[in-house]
All heavy atoms as atom14 arrays in JSON, in Angstrom:
{
  "sequence": "FMSSCATLAALVFLFGMALFPHLIVSRPEPAH",
  "atom14_mask": [
    [1, 1, 1, 1, 1, 1, 1, 1, 1, 1, 1, 0, 0, 0],
    [1, 1, 1, 1, 1, 1, 1, 1, 0, 0, 0, 0, 0, 0],
    [1, 1, 1, 1, 1, 1, 0, 0, 0, 0, 0, 0, 0, 0],
    [1, 1, 1, 1, 1, 1, 0, 0, 0, 0, 0, 0, 0, 0],
    [1, 1, 1, 1, 1, 1, 0, 0, 0, 0, 0, 0, 0, 0],
    [1, 1, 1, 1, 1, 0, 0, 0, 0, 0, 0, 0, 0, 0],
    [1, 1, 1, 1, 1, 1, 1, 0, 0, 0, 0, 0, 0, 0],
    [1, 1, 1, 1, 1, 1, 1, 1, 0, 0, 0, 0, 0, 0],
    [1, 1, 1, 1, 1, 0, 0, 0, 0, 0, 0, 0, 0, 0],
    [1, 1, 1, 1, 1, 0, 0, 0, 0, 0, 0, 0, 0, 0],
    [1, 1, 1, 1, 1, 1, 1, 1, 0, 0, 0, 0, 0, 0],
    [1, 1, 1, 1, 1, 1, 1, 0, 0, 0, 0, 0, 0, 0],
    [1, 1, 1, 1, 1, 1, 1, 1, 1, 1, 1, 0, 0, 0],
    [1, 1, 1, 1, 1, 1, 1, 1, 0, 0, 0, 0, 0, 0],
    [1, 1, 1, 1, 1, 1, 1, 1, 1, 1, 1, 0, 0, 0],
    [1, 1, 1, 1, 0, 0, 0, 0, 0, 0, 0, 0, 0, 0],
    [1, 1, 1, 1, 1, 1, 1, 1, 0, 0, 0, 0, 0, 0],
    [1, 1, 1, 1, 1, 0, 0, 0, 0, 0, 0, 0, 0, 0],
    [1, 1, 1, 1, 1, 1, 1, 1, 0, 0, 0, 0, 0, 0],
    [1, 1, 1, 1, 1, 1, 1, 1, 1, 1, 1, 0, 0, 0],
    [1, 1, 1, 1, 1, 1, 1, 0, 0, 0, 0, 0, 0, 0],
    [1, 1, 1, 1, 1, 1, 1, 1, 1, 1, 0, 0, 0, 0],
    [1, 1, 1, 1, 1, 1, 1, 1, 0, 0, 0, 0, 0, 0],
    [1, 1, 1, 1, 1, 1, 1, 1, 0, 0, 0, 0, 0, 0],
    [1, 1, 1, 1, 1, 1, 1, 0, 0, 0, 0, 0, 0, 0],
    [1, 1, 1, 1, 1, 1, 0, 0, 0, 0, 0, 0, 0, 0],
    [1, 1, 1, 1, 1, 1, 1, 1, 1, 1, 1, 0, 0, 0],
    [1, 1, 1, 1, 1, 1, 1, 0, 0, 0, 0, 0, 0, 0],
    [1, 1, 1, 1, 1, 1, 1, 1, 1, 0, 0, 0, 0, 0],
    [1, 1, 1, 1, 1, 1, 1, 0, 0, 0, 0, 0, 0, 0],
    [1, 1, 1, 1, 1, 0, 0, 0, 0, 0, 0, 0, 0, 0],
    [1, 1, 1, 1, 1, 1, 1, 1, 1, 1, 0, 0, 0, 0]
  ],
  "atom14_positions": [
    [[92.41, 111.6, 67.82], [93.4, 110.54, 68.02], [94.42, 110.94, 69.08], [94.8, 110.13, 69.93], [94.1, 110.23, 66.7], [95.17, 109.16, 66.82], [94.82, 107.85, 67.08], [96.51, 109.49, 66.68], [95.8, 106.87, 67.2], [97.49, 108.52, 66.81], [97.14, 107.21, 67.06], [0.0, 0.0, 0.0], [0.0, 0.0, 0.0], [0.0, 0.0, 0.0]],
    [[94.87, 112.19, 69.07], [95.82, 112.65, 70.08], [95.18, 112.63, 71.46], [95.84, 112.31, 72.46], [96.32, 114.05, 69.74], [97.18, 114.12, 68.48], [98.56, 112.93, 68.49], [99.49, 113.52, 69.91], [0.0, 0.0, 0.0], [0.0, 0.0, 0.0], [0.0, 0.0, 0.0], [0.0, 0.0, 0.0], [0.0, 0.0, 0.0], [0.0, 0.0, 0.0]],
    [[93.9, 112.96, 71.55], [93.19, 112.87, 72.83], [93.11, 111.44, 73.31], [93.23, 111.14, 74.51], [91.78, 113.46, 72.7], [91.84, 114.84, 72.41], [0.0, 0.0, 0.0], [0.0, 0.0, 0.0], [0.0, 0.0, 0.0], [0.0, 0.0, 0.0], [0.0, 0.0, 0.0], [0.0, 0.0, 0.0], [0.0, 0.0, 0.0], [0.0, 0.0, 0.0]],
    [[92.91, 110.52, 72.38], [92.91, 109.1, 72.73], [94.28, 108.66, 73.24], [94.38, 107.91, 74.21], [92.5, 108.26, 71.52], [92.49, 106.89, 71.81], [0.0, 0.0, 0.0], [0.0, 0.0, 0.0], [0.0, 0.0, 0.0], [0.0, 0.0, 0.0], [0.0, 0.0, 0.0], [0.0, 0.0, 0.0], [0.0, 0.0, 0.0], [0.0, 0.0, 0.0]],
    [[95.35, 109.14, 72.59], [96.71, 108.84, 73.06], [96.9, 109.35, 74.49], [97.44, 108.64, 75.35], [97.74, 109.49, 72.15], [97.84, 108.79, 70.49], [0.0, 0.0, 0.0], [0.0, 0.0, 0.0], [0.0, 0.0, 0.0], [0.0, 0.0, 0.0], [0.0, 0.0, 0.0], [0.0, 0.0, 0.0], [0.0, 0.0, 0.0], [0.0, 0.0, 0.0]],
    [[96.45, 110.58, 74.74], [96.58, 111.16, 76.08], [95.77, 110.38, 77.1], [96.19, 110.18, 78.25], [96.15, 112.63, 76.06], [0.0, 0.0, 0.0], [0.0, 0.0, 0.0], [0.0, 0.0, 0.0], [0.0, 0.0, 0.0], [0.0, 0.0, 0.0], [0.0, 0.0, 0.0], [0.0, 0.0, 0.0], [0.0, 0.0, 0.0], [0.0, 0.0, 0.0]],
    [[94.59, 109.91, 76.69], [93.74, 109.13, 77.6], [94.44, 107.84, 78.01], [94.47, 107.49, 79.19], [92.41, 108.81, 76.91], [91.71, 110.03, 76.63], [91.55, 107.92, 77.78], [0.0, 0.0, 0.0], [0.0, 0.0, 0.0], [0.0, 0.0, 0.0], [0.0, 0.0, 0.0], [0.0, 0.0, 0.0], [0.0, 0.0, 0.0], [0.0, 0.0, 0.0]],
    [[95.0, 107.12, 77.04], [95.66, 105.85, 77.36], [96.91, 106.08, 78.21], [97.19, 105.3, 79.14], [96.03, 105.12, 76.08], [94.85, 104.67, 75.19], [95.35, 103.83, 74.02], [93.82, 103.88, 75.99], [0.0, 0.0, 0.0], [0.0, 0.0, 0.0], [0.0, 0.0, 0.0], [0.0, 0.0, 0.0], [0.0, 0.0, 0.0], [0.0, 0.0, 0.0]],
    [[97.66, 107.13, 77.91], [98.84, 107.44, 78.74], [98.43, 107.76, 80.17], [99.09, 107.34, 81.13], [99.61, 108.61, 78.12], [0.0, 0.0, 0.0], [0.0, 0.0, 0.0], [0.0, 0.0, 0.0], [0.0, 0.0, 0.0], [0.0, 0.0, 0.0], [0.0, 0.0, 0.0], [0.0, 0.0, 0.0], [0.0, 0.0, 0.0], [0.0, 0.0, 0.0]],
    [[97.33, 108.49, 80.33], [96.85, 108.82, 81.67], [96.38, 107.57, 82.41], [96.57, 107.46, 83.63], [95.71, 109.84, 81.59], [0.0, 0.0, 0.0], [0.0, 0.0, 0.0], [0.0, 0.0, 0.0], [0.0, 0.0, 0.0], [0.0, 0.0, 0.0], [0.0, 0.0, 0.0], [0.0, 0.0, 0.0], [0.0, 0.0, 0.0], [0.0, 0.0, 0.0]],
    [[95.78, 106.62, 81.69], [95.36, 105.38, 82.34], [96.56, 104.59, 82.85], [96.49, 103.97, 83.92], [94.55, 104.53, 81.35], [93.15, 105.06, 81.01], [92.51, 104.21, 79.93], [92.26, 105.1, 82.25], [0.0, 0.0, 0.0], [0.0, 0.0, 0.0], [0.0, 0.0, 0.0], [0.0, 0.0, 0.0], [0.0, 0.0, 0.0], [0.0, 0.0, 0.0]],
    [[97.67, 104.61, 82.11], [98.89, 103.96, 82.6], [99.38, 104.66, 83.86], [99.82, 104.0, 84.81], [99.98, 103.97, 81.5], [101.29, 103.41, 82.05], [99.53, 103.13, 80.31], [0.0, 0.0, 0.0], [0.0, 0.0, 0.0], [0.0, 0.0, 0.0], [0.0, 0.0, 0.0], [0.0, 0.0, 0.0], [0.0, 0.0, 0.0], [0.0, 0.0, 0.0]],
    [[99.3, 105.98, 83.88], [99.69, 106.72, 85.08], [98.82, 106.32, 86.27], [99.32, 106.1, 87.39], [99.56, 108.22, 84.83], [99.8, 109.07, 86.05], [101.09, 109.43, 86.42], [98.73, 109.51, 86.83], [101.32, 110.2, 87.56], [98.94, 110.29, 87.96], [100.25, 110.64, 88.33], [0.0, 0.0, 0.0], [0.0, 0.0, 0.0], [0.0, 0.0, 0.0]],
    [[97.52, 106.21, 86.06], [96.62, 105.81, 87.15], [96.92, 104.39, 87.62], [96.82, 104.09, 88.81], [95.17, 105.92, 86.68], [94.69, 107.34, 86.33], [93.25, 107.31, 85.82], [94.8, 108.26, 87.53], [0.0, 0.0, 0.0], [0.0, 0.0, 0.0], [0.0, 0.0, 0.0], [0.0, 0.0, 0.0], [0.0, 0.0, 0.0], [0.0, 0.0, 0.0]],
    [[97.29, 103.53, 86.69], [97.7, 102.17, 87.04], [98.93, 102.22, 87.95], [99.02, 101.51, 88.96], [97.99, 101.38, 85.76], [98.6, 100.02, 85.99], [98.0, 99.1, 86.82], [99.78, 99.67, 85.34], [98.57, 97.83, 87.01], [100.35, 98.42, 85.52], [99.74, 97.5, 86.36], [0.0, 0.0, 0.0], [0.0, 0.0, 0.0], [0.0, 0.0, 0.0]],
    [[99.9, 103.07, 87.61], [101.08, 103.23, 88.45], [100.75, 103.78, 89.82], [101.31, 103.34, 90.83], [0.0, 0.0, 0.0], [0.0, 0.0, 0.0], [0.0, 0.0, 0.0], [0.0, 0.0, 0.0], [0.0, 0.0, 0.0], [0.0, 0.0, 0.0], [0.0, 0.0, 0.0], [0.0, 0.0, 0.0], [0.0, 0.0, 0.0], [0.0, 0.0, 0.0]],
    [[99.82, 104.73, 89.87], [99.41, 105.3, 91.15], [98.73, 104.25, 92.02], [98.84, 104.27, 93.25], [98.48, 106.48, 90.93], [99.16, 107.72, 90.4], [100.36, 108.41, 91.57], [99.28, 108.92, 92.91], [0.0, 0.0, 0.0], [0.0, 0.0, 0.0], [0.0, 0.0, 0.0], [0.0, 0.0, 0.0], [0.0, 0.0, 0.0], [0.0, 0.0, 0.0]],
    [[97.99, 103.34, 91.4], [97.32, 102.29, 92.16], [98.32, 101.31, 92.77], [98.04, 100.7, 93.81], [96.34, 101.54, 91.26], [0.0, 0.0, 0.0], [0.0, 0.0, 0.0], [0.0, 0.0, 0.0], [0.0, 0.0, 0.0], [0.0, 0.0, 0.0], [0.0, 0.0, 0.0], [0.0, 0.0, 0.0], [0.0, 0.0, 0.0], [0.0, 0.0, 0.0]],
    [[99.5, 101.18, 92.15], [100.48, 100.21, 92.62], [101.53, 100.8, 93.56], [101.9, 100.16, 94.55], [101.21, 99.59, 91.42], [100.45, 98.57, 90.58], [101.33, 98.08, 89.45], [100.0, 97.38, 91.43], [0.0, 0.0, 0.0], [0.0, 0.0, 0.0], [0.0, 0.0, 0.0], [0.0, 0.0, 0.0], [0.0, 0.0, 0.0], [0.0, 0.0, 0.0]],
    [[102.06, 101.96, 93.26], [103.23, 102.51, 93.94], [103.09, 102.48, 95.46], [102.05, 102.86, 96.0], [103.45, 103.96, 93.47], [104.71, 104.57, 94.01], [105.92, 104.31, 93.42], [104.67, 105.4, 95.13], [107.09, 104.87, 93.93], [105.82, 105.96, 95.63], [107.04, 105.7, 95.03], [0.0, 0.0, 0.0], [0.0, 0.0, 0.0], [0.0, 0.0, 0.0]],
    [[104.14, 102.07, 96.19], [105.45, 101.62, 95.73], [105.52, 100.12, 95.44], [106.6, 99.57, 95.32], [106.35, 101.97, 96.91], [105.47, 101.72, 98.1], [104.08, 102.13, 97.67], [0.0, 0.0, 0.0], [0.0, 0.0, 0.0], [0.0, 0.0, 0.0], [0.0, 0.0, 0.0], [0.0, 0.0, 0.0], [0.0, 0.0, 0.0], [0.0, 0.0, 0.0]],
    [[104.36, 99.47, 95.35], [104.34, 98.04, 95.07], [104.49, 97.79, 93.57], [104.14, 98.62, 92.74], [103.03, 97.42, 95.55], [102.8, 97.56, 97.02], [102.09, 98.63, 97.56], [103.17, 96.8, 98.07], [102.05, 98.5, 98.88], [102.7, 97.4, 99.21], [0.0, 0.0, 0.0], [0.0, 0.0, 0.0], [0.0, 0.0, 0.0], [0.0, 0.0, 0.0]],
    [[104.98, 96.63, 93.26], [104.97, 96.12, 91.9], [104.06, 94.91, 91.77], [103.43, 94.71, 90.73], [106.39, 95.77, 91.46], [107.3, 97.0, 91.23], [108.76, 96.6, 91.19], [106.92, 97.72, 89.96], [0.0, 0.0, 0.0], [0.0, 0.0, 0.0], [0.0, 0.0, 0.0], [0.0, 0.0, 0.0], [0.0, 0.0, 0.0], [0.0, 0.0, 0.0]],
    [[104.0, 94.11, 92.81], [103.01, 93.05, 92.91], [102.44, 93.09, 94.32], [103.18, 92.94, 95.3], [103.61, 91.66, 92.62], [104.15, 91.58, 91.2], [102.56, 90.57, 92.84], [104.72, 90.22, 90.83], [0.0, 0.0, 0.0], [0.0, 0.0, 0.0], [0.0, 0.0, 0.0], [0.0, 0.0, 0.0], [0.0, 0.0, 0.0], [0.0, 0.0, 0.0]],
    [[101.15, 93.31, 94.41], [100.48, 93.36, 95.71], [100.1, 91.94, 96.13], [99.58, 91.17, 95.33], [99.22, 94.24, 95.64], [98.48, 94.24, 96.98], [99.59, 95.66, 95.23], [0.0, 0.0, 0.0], [0.0, 0.0, 0.0], [0.0, 0.0, 0.0], [0.0, 0.0, 0.0], [0.0, 0.0, 0.0], [0.0, 0.0, 0.0], [0.0, 0.0, 0.0]],
    [[100.38, 91.61, 97.39], [100.04, 90.29, 97.91], [98.74, 90.37, 98.7], [98.55, 91.26, 99.53], [101.16, 89.77, 98.82], [100.79, 88.54, 99.42], [0.0, 0.0, 0.0], [0.0, 0.0, 0.0], [0.0, 0.0, 0.0], [0.0, 0.0, 0.0], [0.0, 0.0, 0.0], [0.0, 0.0, 0.0], [0.0, 0.0, 0.0], [0.0, 0.0, 0.0]],
    [[97.86, 89.44, 98.43], [96.65, 89.31, 99.24], [96.45, 87.83, 99.53], [96.73, 86.97, 98.68], [95.43, 89.9, 98.53], [95.08, 89.2, 97.21], [93.81, 89.72, 96.61], [93.52, 89.04, 95.36], [92.85, 87.89, 95.25], [92.39, 87.3, 96.34], [92.64, 87.32, 94.09], [0.0, 0.0, 0.0], [0.0, 0.0, 0.0], [0.0, 0.0, 0.0]],
    [[96.02, 87.46, 100.7], [95.58, 88.35, 101.8], [96.71, 88.72, 102.76], [96.42, 89.21, 103.84], [94.54, 87.47, 102.51], [95.06, 86.08, 102.33], [95.74, 86.05, 100.99], [0.0, 0.0, 0.0], [0.0, 0.0, 0.0], [0.0, 0.0, 0.0], [0.0, 0.0, 0.0], [0.0, 0.0, 0.0], [0.0, 0.0, 0.0], [0.0, 0.0, 0.0]],
    [[97.96, 88.49, 102.4], [99.1, 88.8, 103.28], [99.9, 89.95, 102.68], [100.84, 89.74, 101.92], [99.99, 87.56, 103.43], [99.36, 86.41, 104.17], [99.14, 86.72, 105.65], [99.81, 87.65, 106.17], [98.3, 86.06, 106.27], [0.0, 0.0, 0.0], [0.0, 0.0, 0.0], [0.0, 0.0, 0.0], [0.0, 0.0, 0.0], [0.0, 0.0, 0.0]],
    [[99.55, 91.21, 102.99], [100.26, 92.36, 102.42], [101.76, 92.35, 102.69], [102.53, 92.93, 101.92], [99.57, 93.57, 103.08], [98.24, 93.06, 103.53], [98.45, 91.62, 103.89], [0.0, 0.0, 0.0], [0.0, 0.0, 0.0], [0.0, 0.0, 0.0], [0.0, 0.0, 0.0], [0.0, 0.0, 0.0], [0.0, 0.0, 0.0], [0.0, 0.0, 0.0]],
    [[102.18, 91.7, 103.79], [103.6, 91.68, 104.13], [104.44, 90.96, 103.08], [105.65, 91.17, 103.0], [103.8, 91.01, 105.49], [0.0, 0.0, 0.0], [0.0, 0.0, 0.0], [0.0, 0.0, 0.0], [0.0, 0.0, 0.0], [0.0, 0.0, 0.0], [0.0, 0.0, 0.0], [0.0, 0.0, 0.0], [0.0, 0.0, 0.0], [0.0, 0.0, 0.0]],
    [[103.81, 90.13, 102.26], [104.54, 89.38, 101.23], [104.62, 90.15, 99.9], [105.16, 89.61, 98.93], [103.88, 88.03, 100.99], [103.87, 87.15, 102.19], [103.02, 86.07, 102.32], [104.61, 87.17, 103.33], [103.24, 85.47, 103.48], [104.2, 86.13, 104.11], [0.0, 0.0, 0.0], [0.0, 0.0, 0.0], [0.0, 0.0, 0.0], [0.0, 0.0, 0.0]]
  ]
}
């Protein structure tokens, strides 16, 4: 269970890495 907790926390970290420094990515106009 603790490994599962660590897995989900790490997935949230990866989600943040996919976004940073964006909070909402605009497509097809990245400038927005």
